[in-house]
Amino acid sequence: MTAQIPDKLYFKIGEVAAIVDVKTHVLRYWETEFSAFKPVKSSANQRLYRRKDVETALLIKDLLYRQGFTISGARKKIQKEGLQRAKQTQLLLDDRAMLRQLRTDLLEIKQKLKKHE
């Protein structure tokens, strides 16, 4: 999965197909098989993939073509990794919230100390 992904917000299906090096119909099929791989649709009903969608497509290709997973096995692996990633994200958010609260508490202590000088 060493493909270079351009720094863009959205990619059209042809661009994603070129990056991942698969045909567009393969991407459309993967959309039906992997819930983690869902592009948004424009007002003209055109598929618009985000960077995370492109990364997911690269992961799917790696699992299927290089590692030899079945569709079902790749789906389970992606769901499992998604749950792990969600837990890690929640831990980071909890840590950030704790740090914000700590900062607020320290600023309050600093204010109180200034009053008593």
Protein backbone atom coordinates (compact mmCIF):
# COMPACT_ATOMS: atom_id res chain seq x y z
CA MET A 1 0.00 0.00 0.00
CA THR A 2 2.61 2.52 -1.01
CA ALA A 3 0.51 4.36 -3.61
CA GLN A 4 0.79 8.14 -3.54
CA ILE A 5 -2.54 9.76 -2.77
CA PRO A 6 -2.78 13.36 -3.99
CA ASP A 7 -3.65 15.99 -1.41
CA LYS A 8 -7.29 16.60 -2.39
CA LEU A 9 -10.61 16.59 -0.57
CA TYR A 10 -12.51 14.49 -3.10
CA PHE A 11 -11.62 12.07 -5.88
CA LYS A 12 -13.70 10.87 -8.80
CA ILE A 13 -14.06 7.15 -9.41
CA GLY A 14 -11.60 7.18 -12.32
CA GLU A 15 -8.95 8.85 -10.18
CA VAL A 16 -9.41 6.29 -7.41
CA ALA A 17 -9.29 3.45 -9.92
CA ALA A 18 -5.97 4.79 -11.23
CA ILE A 19 -4.51 5.20 -7.73
CA VAL A 20 -5.61 1.74 -6.59
CA ASP A 21 -4.89 0.21 -10.01
CA VAL A 22 -8.22 -1.56 -10.47
CA LYS A 23 -11.13 -1.07 -12.87
CA THR A 24 -14.00 1.21 -11.88
CA HIS A 25 -16.46 -1.69 -11.81
CA VAL A 26 -14.30 -3.34 -9.14
CA LEU A 27 -14.63 -0.24 -6.95
CA ARG A 28 -18.40 -0.23 -7.46
CA TYR A 29 -18.51 -3.91 -6.47
CA TRP A 30 -16.44 -3.26 -3.35
CA GLU A 31 -18.93 -0.57 -2.36
CA THR A 32 -21.63 -3.26 -2.21
CA GLU A 33 -19.46 -5.64 -0.17
CA PHE A 34 -17.70 -3.35 2.32
CA SER A 35 -19.72 -1.01 4.52
CA ALA A 36 -16.53 0.92 5.34
CA PHE A 37 -16.15 1.82 1.66
CA LYS A 38 -18.96 4.23 0.81
CA PRO A 39 -18.32 7.35 -1.25
CA VAL A 40 -20.59 10.34 -0.99
CA LYS A 41 -22.70 11.25 -4.00
CA SER A 42 -22.71 14.70 -5.57
CA SER A 43 -25.90 16.49 -6.59
CA ALA A 44 -25.28 15.06 -10.07
CA ASN A 45 -25.20 11.57 -8.48
CA GLN A 46 -21.47 11.25 -9.15
CA ARG A 47 -19.35 9.24 -6.70
CA LEU A 48 -16.95 11.38 -4.69
CA TYR A 49 -14.37 9.51 -2.64
CA ARG A 50 -12.62 11.02 0.34
CA ARG A 51 -9.02 10.29 1.27
CA LYS A 52 -10.11 7.68 3.83
CA ASP A 53 -12.12 5.95 1.08
CA VAL A 54 -9.02 5.78 -1.10
CA GLU A 55 -7.02 4.39 1.82
CA THR A 56 -9.76 1.82 2.44
CA ALA A 57 -9.71 0.82 -1.24
CA LEU A 58 -5.95 0.33 -1.04
CA LEU A 59 -6.41 -1.78 2.08
CA ILE A 60 -9.11 -3.89 0.41
CA LYS A 61 -6.91 -4.47 -2.62
CA ASP A 62 -3.99 -5.48 -0.40
CA LEU A 63 -6.13 -7.89 1.61
CA LEU A 64 -7.72 -9.48 -1.46
CA TYR A 65 -4.91 -9.50 -3.99
CA ARG A 66 -1.70 -9.68 -1.96
CA GLN A 67 -2.71 -11.38 1.29
CA GLY A 68 -5.25 -13.73 -0.31
CA PHE A 69 -8.25 -12.95 1.89
CA THR A 70 -11.74 -13.81 0.70
CA ILE A 71 -14.30 -10.99 0.47
CA SER A 72 -15.86 -12.21 3.72
CA GLY A 73 -12.49 -12.47 5.48
CA ALA A 74 -11.40 -9.03 4.30
CA ARG A 75 -14.74 -7.58 5.44
CA LYS A 76 -14.28 -9.06 8.93
CA LYS A 77 -10.68 -7.85 9.15
CA ILE A 78 -11.65 -4.30 8.15
CA GLN A 79 -14.54 -4.26 10.64
CA LYS A 80 -12.23 -5.50 13.41
CA GLU A 81 -9.61 -2.87 12.57
CA GLY A 82 -12.34 -0.23 12.40
CA LEU A 83 -13.47 -1.12 15.92
CA GLN A 84 -9.89 -0.97 17.17
CA ARG A 85 -9.37 2.38 15.45
CA ALA A 86 -12.61 3.70 16.96
CA LYS A 87 -11.45 2.65 20.43
CA GLN A 88 -8.07 4.33 19.89
CA THR A 89 -9.80 7.49 18.67
CA GLN A 90 -12.07 7.49 21.73
CA LEU A 91 -9.06 7.11 24.01
CA LEU A 92 -7.38 10.07 22.29
CA LEU A 93 -10.54 12.17 22.65
CA ASP A 94 -10.77 11.21 26.33
CA ASP A 95 -7.12 12.17 26.84
CA ARG A 96 -7.66 15.51 25.12
CA ALA A 97 -10.73 16.23 27.22
CA MET A 98 -8.77 15.36 30.37
CA LEU A 99 -5.92 17.66 29.30
CA ARG A 100 -8.35 20.51 28.56
CA GLN A 101 -9.91 20.09 31.99
CA LEU A 102 -6.47 19.96 33.60
CA ARG A 103 -5.48 23.15 31.78
CA THR A 104 -8.67 24.88 32.94
CA ASP A 105 -8.05 23.78 36.52
CA LEU A 106 -4.45 25.01 36.41
CA LEU A 107 -5.53 28.38 35.01
CA GLU A 108 -8.06 28.71 37.83
CA ILE A 109 -5.37 27.91 40.39
CA LYS A 110 -3.09 30.47 38.76
CA GLN A 111 -5.84 33.11 38.97
CA LYS A 112 -6.41 32.33 42.65
CA LEU A 113 -2.71 32.51 43.41
CA LYS A 114 -2.47 35.91 41.70
CA LYS A 115 -5.31 37.22 43.89
CA HIS A 116 -3.46 36.16 47.04
CA GLU A 117 -0.12 37.76 46.15
